[in-house]
Amino acid sequence: MLNQTVKYTAILPQDCVTELRSMADKKVIPSVNQGIRIAVEDFLKARKEHEYQRNMREAAGDEAFIKRMTDTMKAFEFADAKVDGEW
């Protein structure tokens, strides 16, 4: 199923719009709209990754988290060994 889309007006710097139009004219991107959509998706993905990394750094200092993770790894040691490195 495709994501539902909504129209949203945003104010962008003129030089960015000019560059996007140029890229669309040269068929580097399908359209200005698609270029903006790709940029927003890439930004959101990068921010989520950044947040995940920050959370993992915080968790590394949490003794209870480390114990749970170590216990879980030990619990699956046998199952992981049976796979022979393939999933």
PDB file of N, CA and C in Angstrom:
ATOM      1  N   MET A   1       0.847  -1.182   0.000  1.00  0.00           N
ATOM      2  CA  MET A   1       0.000   0.000   0.000  1.00  0.00           C
ATOM      3  C   MET A   1       0.889   1.241   0.000  1.00  0.00           C
ATOM      4  N   LEU A   2       0.527   2.206  -0.807  1.00  0.00           N
ATOM      5  CA  LEU A   2       1.290   3.437  -0.895  1.00  0.00           C
ATOM      6  C   LEU A   2       0.990   4.340   0.292  1.00  0.00           C
ATOM      7  N   ASN A   3       1.998   5.098   0.684  1.00  0.00           N
ATOM      8  CA  ASN A   3       1.782   6.084   1.739  1.00  0.00           C
ATOM      9  C   ASN A   3       0.816   7.149   1.250  1.00  0.00           C
ATOM     10  N   GLN A   4      -0.064   7.564   2.113  1.00  0.00           N
ATOM     11  CA  GLN A   4      -0.963   8.654   1.778  1.00  0.00           C
ATOM     12  C   GLN A   4      -0.147   9.937   1.729  1.00  0.00           C
ATOM     13  N   THR A   5      -0.433  10.778   0.777  1.00  0.00           N
ATOM     14  CA  THR A   5       0.292  12.035   0.668  1.00  0.00           C
ATOM     15  C   THR A   5      -0.636  13.192   1.012  1.00  0.00           C
ATOM     16  N   VAL A   6      -0.030  14.294   1.414  1.00  0.00           N
ATOM     17  CA  VAL A   6      -0.770  15.515   1.698  1.00  0.00           C
ATOM     18  C   VAL A   6      -0.042  16.677   1.037  1.00  0.00           C
ATOM     19  N   LYS A   7      -0.787  17.661   0.638  1.00  0.00           N
ATOM     20  CA  LYS A   7      -0.172  18.875   0.120  1.00  0.00           C
ATOM     21  C   LYS A   7       0.261  19.728   1.295  1.00  0.00           C
ATOM     22  N   TYR A   8       1.456  20.287   1.186  1.00  0.00           N
ATOM     23  CA  TYR A   8       1.991  21.113   2.255  1.00  0.00           C
ATOM     24  C   TYR A   8       2.816  22.213   1.624  1.00  0.00           C
ATOM     25  N   THR A   9       2.560  23.425   1.995  1.00  0.00           N
ATOM     26  CA  THR A   9       3.304  24.552   1.464  1.00  0.00           C
ATOM     27  C   THR A   9       4.493  24.830   2.368  1.00  0.00           C
ATOM     28  N   ALA A  10       5.657  24.987   1.753  1.00  0.00           N
ATOM     29  CA  ALA A  10       6.875  25.288   2.515  1.00  0.00           C
ATOM     30  C   ALA A  10       7.603  26.438   1.828  1.00  0.00           C
ATOM     31  N   ILE A  11       8.326  27.185   2.605  1.00  0.00           N
ATOM     32  CA  ILE A  11       9.125  28.283   2.064  1.00  0.00           C
ATOM     33  C   ILE A  11      10.563  27.796   1.964  1.00  0.00           C
ATOM     34  N   LEU A  12      11.111  27.851   0.754  1.00  0.00           N
ATOM     35  CA  LEU A  12      12.464  27.384   0.485  1.00  0.00           C
ATOM     36  C   LEU A  12      13.311  28.522  -0.066  1.00  0.00           C
ATOM     37  N   PRO A  13      14.615  28.463   0.162  1.00  0.00           N
ATOM     38  CA  PRO A  13      15.494  29.470  -0.426  1.00  0.00           C
ATOM     39  C   PRO A  13      15.436  29.407  -1.963  1.00  0.00           C
ATOM     40  N   GLN A  14      15.435  30.574  -2.608  1.00  0.00           N
ATOM     41  CA  GLN A  14      15.330  30.648  -4.062  1.00  0.00           C
ATOM     42  C   GLN A  14      16.420  29.831  -4.751  1.00  0.00           C
ATOM     43  N   ASP A  15      17.653  29.894  -4.235  1.00  0.00           N
ATOM     44  CA  ASP A  15      18.734  29.169  -4.899  1.00  0.00           C
ATOM     45  C   ASP A  15      18.520  27.659  -4.861  1.00  0.00           C
ATOM     46  N   CYS A  16      17.891  27.164  -3.802  1.00  0.00           N
ATOM     47  CA  CYS A  16      17.580  25.735  -3.734  1.00  0.00           C
ATOM     48  C   CYS A  16      16.535  25.348  -4.779  1.00  0.00           C
ATOM     49  N   VAL A  17      15.509  26.168  -4.907  1.00  0.00           N
ATOM     50  CA  VAL A  17      14.458  25.896  -5.891  1.00  0.00           C
ATOM     51  C   VAL A  17      15.030  25.965  -7.303  1.00  0.00           C
ATOM     52  N   THR A  18      15.871  26.950  -7.558  1.00  0.00           N
ATOM     53  CA  THR A  18      16.496  27.089  -8.878  1.00  0.00           C
ATOM     54  C   THR A  18      17.324  25.850  -9.203  1.00  0.00           C
ATOM     55  N   GLU A  19      18.090  25.407  -8.222  1.00  0.00           N
ATOM     56  CA  GLU A  19      18.917  24.218  -8.448  1.00  0.00           C
ATOM     57  C   GLU A  19      18.062  22.975  -8.669  1.00  0.00           C
ATOM     58  N   LEU A  20      16.987  22.828  -7.903  1.00  0.00           N
ATOM     59  CA  LEU A  20      16.083  21.696  -8.094  1.00  0.00           C
ATOM     60  C   LEU A  20      15.440  21.731  -9.480  1.00  0.00           C
ATOM     61  N   ARG A  21      15.021  22.911  -9.922  1.00  0.00           N
ATOM     62  CA  ARG A  21      14.431  23.040 -11.263  1.00  0.00           C
ATOM     63  C   ARG A  21      15.437  22.656 -12.340  1.00  0.00           C
ATOM     64  N   SER A  22      16.672  23.098 -12.156  1.00  0.00           N
ATOM     65  CA  SER A  22      17.729  22.760 -13.108  1.00  0.00           C
ATOM     66  C   SER A  22      17.942  21.248 -13.151  1.00  0.00           C
ATOM     67  N   MET A  23      17.964  20.626 -11.973  1.00  0.00           N
ATOM     68  CA  MET A  23      18.140  19.170 -11.921  1.00  0.00           C
ATOM     69  C   MET A  23      16.971  18.442 -12.575  1.00  0.00           C
ATOM     70  N   ALA A  24      15.769  18.951 -12.379  1.00  0.00           N
ATOM     71  CA  ALA A  24      14.589  18.339 -13.003  1.00  0.00           C
ATOM     72  C   ALA A  24      14.638  18.515 -14.520  1.00  0.00           C
ATOM     73  N   ASP A  25      15.047  19.699 -14.986  1.00  0.00           N
ATOM     74  CA  ASP A  25      15.165  19.943 -16.426  1.00  0.00           C
ATOM     75  C   ASP A  25      16.177  19.003 -17.076  1.00  0.00           C
ATOM     76  N   LYS A  26      17.248  18.702 -16.343  1.00  0.00           N
ATOM     77  CA  LYS A  26      18.304  17.810 -16.847  1.00  0.00           C
ATOM     78  C   LYS A  26      17.978  16.342 -16.605  1.00  0.00           C
ATOM     79  N   LYS A  27      16.811  16.074 -16.029  1.00  0.00           N
ATOM     80  CA  LYS A  27      16.345  14.715 -15.724  1.00  0.00           C
ATOM     81  C   LYS A  27      17.226  14.005 -14.698  1.00  0.00           C
ATOM     82  N   VAL A  28      17.901  14.785 -13.849  1.00  0.00           N
ATOM     83  CA  VAL A  28      18.672  14.213 -12.743  1.00  0.00           C
ATOM     84  C   VAL A  28      17.704  13.714 -11.671  1.00  0.00           C
ATOM     85  N   ILE A  29      16.616  14.441 -11.487  1.00  0.00           N
ATOM     86  CA  ILE A  29      15.519  14.044 -10.619  1.00  0.00           C
ATOM     87  C   ILE A  29      14.245  14.100 -11.452  1.00  0.00           C
ATOM     88  N   PRO A  30      13.239  13.310 -11.100  1.00  0.00           N
ATOM     89  CA  PRO A  30      12.008  13.311 -11.898  1.00  0.00           C
ATOM     90  C   PRO A  30      11.267  14.648 -11.905  1.00  0.00           C
ATOM     91  N   SER A  31      11.306  15.343 -10.773  1.00  0.00           N
ATOM     92  CA  SER A  31      10.610  16.615 -10.651  1.00  0.00           C
ATOM     93  C   SER A  31      11.126  17.348  -9.424  1.00  0.00           C
ATOM     94  N   VAL A  32      10.799  18.630  -9.324  1.00  0.00           N
ATOM     95  CA  VAL A  32      11.165  19.401  -8.136  1.00  0.00           C
ATOM     96  C   VAL A  32      10.499  18.773  -6.921  1.00  0.00           C
ATOM     97  N   ASN A  33       9.235  18.443  -7.041  1.00  0.00           N
ATOM     98  CA  ASN A  33       8.504  17.836  -5.933  1.00  0.00           C
ATOM     99  C   ASN A  33       9.181  16.544  -5.470  1.00  0.00           C
ATOM    100  N   GLN A  34       9.574  15.709  -6.416  1.00  0.00           N
ATOM    101  CA  GLN A  34      10.225  14.446  -6.069  1.00  0.00           C
ATOM    102  C   GLN A  34      11.580  14.701  -5.405  1.00  0.00           C
ATOM    103  N   GLY A  35      12.297  15.701  -5.867  1.00  0.00           N
ATOM    104  CA  GLY A  35      13.573  16.060  -5.249  1.00  0.00           C
ATOM    105  C   GLY A  35      13.394  16.476  -3.799  1.00  0.00           C
ATOM    106  N   ILE A  36      12.361  17.259  -3.547  1.00  0.00           N
ATOM    107  CA  ILE A  36      12.066  17.690  -2.177  1.00  0.00           C
ATOM    108  C   ILE A  36      11.663  16.485  -1.330  1.00  0.00           C
ATOM    109  N   ARG A  37      10.836  15.619  -1.890  1.00  0.00           N
ATOM    110  CA  ARG A  37      10.394  14.430  -1.157  1.00  0.00           C
ATOM    111  C   ARG A  37      11.584  13.535  -0.793  1.00  0.00           C
ATOM    112  N   ILE A  38      12.492  13.328  -1.746  1.00  0.00           N
ATOM    113  CA  ILE A  38      13.683  12.515  -1.487  1.00  0.00           C
ATOM    114  C   ILE A  38      14.520  13.150  -0.380  1.00  0.00           C
ATOM    115  N   ALA A  39      14.697  14.461  -0.450  1.00  0.00           N
ATOM    116  CA  ALA A  39      15.497  15.158   0.563  1.00  0.00           C
ATOM    117  C   ALA A  39      14.876  15.026   1.948  1.00  0.00           C
ATOM    118  N   VAL A  40      13.572  15.159   2.033  1.00  0.00           N
ATOM    119  CA  VAL A  40      12.887  15.044   3.328  1.00  0.00           C
ATOM    120  C   VAL A  40      13.005  13.608   3.852  1.00  0.00           C
ATOM    121  N   GLU A  41      12.795  12.620   2.988  1.00  0.00           N
ATOM    122  CA  GLU A  41      12.915  11.224   3.413  1.00  0.00           C
ATOM    123  C   GLU A  41      14.329  10.921   3.896  1.00  0.00           C
ATOM    124  N   ASP A  42      15.335  11.396   3.160  1.00  0.00           N
ATOM    125  CA  ASP A  42      16.730  11.187   3.567  1.00  0.00           C
ATOM    126  C   ASP A  42      17.025  11.869   4.904  1.00  0.00           C
ATOM    127  N   PHE A  43      16.508  13.076   5.075  1.00  0.00           N
ATOM    128  CA  PHE A  43      16.696  13.807   6.336  1.00  0.00           C
ATOM    129  C   PHE A  43      16.085  13.039   7.500  1.00  0.00           C
ATOM    130  N   LEU A  44      14.848  12.574   7.331  1.00  0.00           N
ATOM    131  CA  LEU A  44      14.173  11.850   8.406  1.00  0.00           C
ATOM    132  C   LEU A  44      14.912  10.555   8.740  1.00  0.00           C
ATOM    133  N   LYS A  45      15.374   9.848   7.725  1.00  0.00           N
ATOM    134  CA  LYS A  45      16.130   8.617   7.952  1.00  0.00           C
ATOM    135  C   LYS A  45      17.412   8.917   8.732  1.00  0.00           C
ATOM    136  N   ALA A  46      18.129   9.972   8.350  1.00  0.00           N
ATOM    137  CA  ALA A  46      19.369  10.342   9.048  1.00  0.00           C
ATOM    138  C   ALA A  46      19.089  10.740  10.488  1.00  0.00           C
ATOM    139  N   ARG A  47      18.021  11.487  10.732  1.00  0.00           N
ATOM    140  CA  ARG A  47      17.686  11.902  12.098  1.00  0.00           C
ATOM    141  C   ARG A  47      17.317  10.697  12.960  1.00  0.00           C
ATOM    142  N   LYS A  48      16.579   9.745  12.383  1.00  0.00           N
ATOM    143  CA  LYS A  48      16.224   8.537  13.135  1.00  0.00           C
ATOM    144  C   LYS A  48      17.481   7.748  13.489  1.00  0.00           C
ATOM    145  N   GLU A  49      18.416   7.641  12.555  1.00  0.00           N
ATOM    146  CA  GLU A  49      19.668   6.942  12.815  1.00  0.00           C
ATOM    147  C   GLU A  49      20.459   7.662  13.909  1.00  0.00           C
ATOM    148  N   HIS A  50      20.497   8.986  13.839  1.00  0.00           N
ATOM    149  CA  HIS A  50      21.189   9.778  14.853  1.00  0.00           C
ATOM    150  C   HIS A  50      20.565   9.538  16.230  1.00  0.00           C
ATOM    151  N   GLU A  51      19.253   9.535  16.297  1.00  0.00           N
ATOM    152  CA  GLU A  51      18.538   9.311  17.557  1.00  0.00           C
ATOM    153  C   GLU A  51      18.813   7.904  18.089  1.00  0.00           C
ATOM    154  N   TYR A  52      18.828   6.927  17.189  1.00  0.00           N
ATOM    155  CA  TYR A  52      19.123   5.551  17.583  1.00  0.00           C
ATOM    156  C   TYR A  52      20.530   5.460  18.178  1.00  0.00           C
ATOM    157  N   GLN A  53      21.501   6.073  17.513  1.00  0.00           N
ATOM    158  CA  GLN A  53      22.878   6.053  18.002  1.00  0.00           C
ATOM    159  C   GLN A  53      22.978   6.729  19.377  1.00  0.00           C
ATOM    160  N   ARG A  54      22.283   7.839  19.550  1.00  0.00           N
ATOM    161  CA  ARG A  54      22.279   8.542  20.833  1.00  0.00           C
ATOM    162  C   ARG A  54      21.682   7.654  21.920  1.00  0.00           C
ATOM    163  N   ASN A  55      20.584   6.994  21.611  1.00  0.00           N
ATOM    164  CA  ASN A  55      19.949   6.093  22.578  1.00  0.00           C
ATOM    165  C   ASN A  55      20.866   4.929  22.945  1.00  0.00           C
ATOM    166  N   MET A  56      21.596   4.407  21.968  1.00  0.00           N
ATOM    167  CA  MET A  56      22.512   3.297  22.242  1.00  0.00           C
ATOM    168  C   MET A  56      23.679   3.746  23.118  1.00  0.00           C
ATOM    169  N   ARG A  57      24.173   4.972  22.896  1.00  0.00           N
ATOM    170  CA  ARG A  57      25.238   5.498  23.755  1.00  0.00           C
ATOM    171  C   ARG A  57      24.740   5.631  25.191  1.00  0.00           C
ATOM    172  N   GLU A  58      23.512   6.125  25.354  1.00  0.00           N
ATOM    173  CA  GLU A  58      22.935   6.239  26.692  1.00  0.00           C
ATOM    174  C   GLU A  58      22.744   4.863  27.318  1.00  0.00           C
ATOM    175  N   ALA A  59      22.267   3.912  26.522  1.00  0.00           N
ATOM    176  CA  ALA A  59      22.015   2.562  27.037  1.00  0.00           C
ATOM    177  C   ALA A  59      23.305   1.878  27.463  1.00  0.00           C
ATOM    178  N   ALA A  60      24.404   2.218  26.795  1.00  0.00           N
ATOM    179  CA  ALA A  60      25.685   1.597  27.141  1.00  0.00           C
ATOM    180  C   ALA A  60      26.089   1.897  28.575  1.00  0.00           C
ATOM    181  N   GLY A  61      25.583   2.974  29.128  1.00  0.00           N
ATOM    182  CA  GLY A  61      25.879   3.320  30.511  1.00  0.00           C
ATOM    183  C   GLY A  61      24.864   2.785  31.504  1.00  0.00           C
ATOM    184  N   ASP A  62      23.860   2.085  31.009  1.00  0.00           N
ATOM    185  CA  ASP A  62      22.790   1.547  31.857  1.00  0.00           C
ATOM    186  C   ASP A  62      23.093   0.086  32.176  1.00  0.00           C
ATOM    187  N   GLU A  63      23.510  -0.173  33.406  1.00  0.00           N
ATOM    188  CA  GLU A  63      23.914  -1.531  33.796  1.00  0.00           C
ATOM    189  C   GLU A  63      22.783  -2.549  33.609  1.00  0.00           C
ATOM    190  N   ALA A  64      21.560  -2.165  33.919  1.00  0.00           N
ATOM    191  CA  ALA A  64      20.425  -3.089  33.767  1.00  0.00           C
ATOM    192  C   ALA A  64      20.219  -3.447  32.296  1.00  0.00           C
ATOM    193  N   PHE A  65      20.365  -2.469  31.414  1.00  0.00           N
ATOM    194  CA  PHE A  65      20.230  -2.725  29.978  1.00  0.00           C
ATOM    195  C   PHE A  65      21.312  -3.687  29.507  1.00  0.00           C
ATOM    196  N   ILE A  66      22.553  -3.442  29.923  1.00  0.00           N
ATOM    197  CA  ILE A  66      23.668  -4.298  29.524  1.00  0.00           C
ATOM    198  C   ILE A  66      23.441  -5.729  30.016  1.00  0.00           C
ATOM    199  N   LYS A  67      22.960  -5.880  31.235  1.00  0.00           N
ATOM    200  CA  LYS A  67      22.688  -7.219  31.763  1.00  0.00           C
ATOM    201  C   LYS A  67      21.598  -7.915  30.954  1.00  0.00           C
ATOM    202  N   ARG A  68      20.515  -7.211  30.647  1.00  0.00           N
ATOM    203  CA  ARG A  68      19.435  -7.811  29.846  1.00  0.00           C
ATOM    204  C   ARG A  68      19.956  -8.227  28.476  1.00  0.00           C
ATOM    205  N   MET A  69      20.750  -7.364  27.872  1.00  0.00           N
ATOM    206  CA  MET A  69      21.281  -7.658  26.544  1.00  0.00           C
ATOM    207  C   MET A  69      22.224  -8.862  26.594  1.00  0.00           C
ATOM    208  N   THR A  70      23.088  -8.912  27.589  1.00  0.00           N
ATOM    209  CA  THR A  70      24.019 -10.029  27.740  1.00  0.00           C
ATOM    210  C   THR A  70      23.260 -11.327  27.991  1.00  0.00           C
ATOM    211  N   ASP A  71      22.257 -11.280  28.852  1.00  0.00           N
ATOM    212  CA  ASP A  71      21.448 -12.470  29.136  1.00  0.00           C
ATOM    213  C   ASP A  71      20.737 -12.957  27.877  1.00  0.00           C
ATOM    214  N   THR A  72      20.213 -12.033  27.097  1.00  0.00           N
ATOM    215  CA  THR A  72      19.523 -12.393  25.854  1.00  0.00           C
ATOM    216  C   THR A  72      20.501 -13.010  24.855  1.00  0.00           C
ATOM    217  N   MET A  73      21.683 -12.426  24.736  1.00  0.00           N
ATOM    218  CA  MET A  73      22.690 -12.974  23.825  1.00  0.00           C
ATOM    219  C   MET A  73      23.066 -14.394  24.232  1.00  0.00           C
ATOM    220  N   LYS A  74      23.220 -14.619  25.519  1.00  0.00           N
ATOM    221  CA  LYS A  74      23.551 -15.958  26.004  1.00  0.00           C
ATOM    222  C   LYS A  74      22.412 -16.931  25.713  1.00  0.00           C
ATOM    223  N   ALA A  75      21.187 -16.482  25.883  1.00  0.00           N
ATOM    224  CA  ALA A  75      20.028 -17.344  25.655  1.00  0.00           C
ATOM    225  C   ALA A  75      19.933 -17.801  24.206  1.00  0.00           C
ATOM    226  N   PHE A  76      20.426 -16.980  23.265  1.00  0.00           N
ATOM    227  CA  PHE A  76      20.328 -17.320  21.851  1.00  0.00           C
ATOM    228  C   PHE A  76      21.634 -17.858  21.274  1.00  0.00           C
ATOM    229  N   GLU A  77      22.648 -18.033  22.114  1.00  0.00           N
ATOM    230  CA  GLU A  77      23.950 -18.513  21.650  1.00  0.00           C
ATOM    231  C   GLU A  77      23.829 -19.815  20.875  1.00  0.00           C
ATOM    232  N   PHE A  78      23.113 -20.786  21.416  1.00  0.00           N
ATOM    233  CA  PHE A  78      22.972 -22.088  20.784  1.00  0.00           C
ATOM    234  C   PHE A  78      22.233 -21.966  19.451  1.00  0.00           C
ATOM    235  N   ALA A  79      21.138 -21.214  19.437  1.00  0.00           N
ATOM    236  CA  ALA A  79      20.359 -21.049  18.200  1.00  0.00           C
ATOM    237  C   ALA A  79      21.189 -20.360  17.126  1.00  0.00           C
ATOM    238  N   ASP A  80      21.958 -19.364  17.506  1.00  0.00           N
ATOM    239  CA  ASP A  80      22.800 -18.661  16.537  1.00  0.00           C
ATOM    240  C   ASP A  80      23.883 -19.577  15.989  1.00  0.00           C
ATOM    241  N   ALA A  81      24.439 -20.448  16.809  1.00  0.00           N
ATOM    242  CA  ALA A  81      25.492 -21.359  16.372  1.00  0.00           C
ATOM    243  C   ALA A  81      24.958 -22.357  15.351  1.00  0.00           C
ATOM    244  N   LYS A  82      23.704 -22.752  15.461  1.00  0.00           N
ATOM    245  CA  LYS A  82      23.101 -23.714  14.548  1.00  0.00           C
ATOM    246  C   LYS A  82      22.928 -23.160  13.132  1.00  0.00           C
ATOM    247  N   VAL A  83      22.931 -21.860  12.993  1.00  0.00           N
ATOM    248  CA  VAL A  83      22.666 -21.242  11.691  1.00  0.00           C
ATOM    249  C   VAL A  83      23.909 -21.270  10.793  1.00  0.00           C
ATOM    250  N   ASP A  84      25.087 -21.459  11.351  1.00  0.00           N
ATOM    251  CA  ASP A  84      26.336 -21.466  10.595  1.00  0.00           C
ATOM    252  C   ASP A  84      26.593 -20.143   9.889  1.00  0.00           C
ATOM    253  N   GLY A  85      26.254 -19.045  10.543  1.00  0.00           N
ATOM    254  CA  GLY A  85      26.551 -17.727   9.987  1.00  0.00           C
ATOM    255  C   GLY A  85      25.613 -17.281   8.879  1.00  0.00           C
ATOM    256  N   GLU A  86      24.608 -18.048   8.531  1.00  0.00           N
ATOM    257  CA  GLU A  86      23.665 -17.670   7.488  1.00  0.00           C
ATOM    258  C   GLU A  86      22.292 -17.447   8.084  1.00  0.00           C
ATOM    259  N   TRP A  87      21.573 -16.528   7.514  1.00  0.00           N
ATOM    260  CA  TRP A  87      20.209 -16.252   7.976  1.00  0.00           C
ATOM    261  C   TRP A  87      19.243 -16.645   6.936  1.00  0.00           C
TER     262      TRP A  87
END
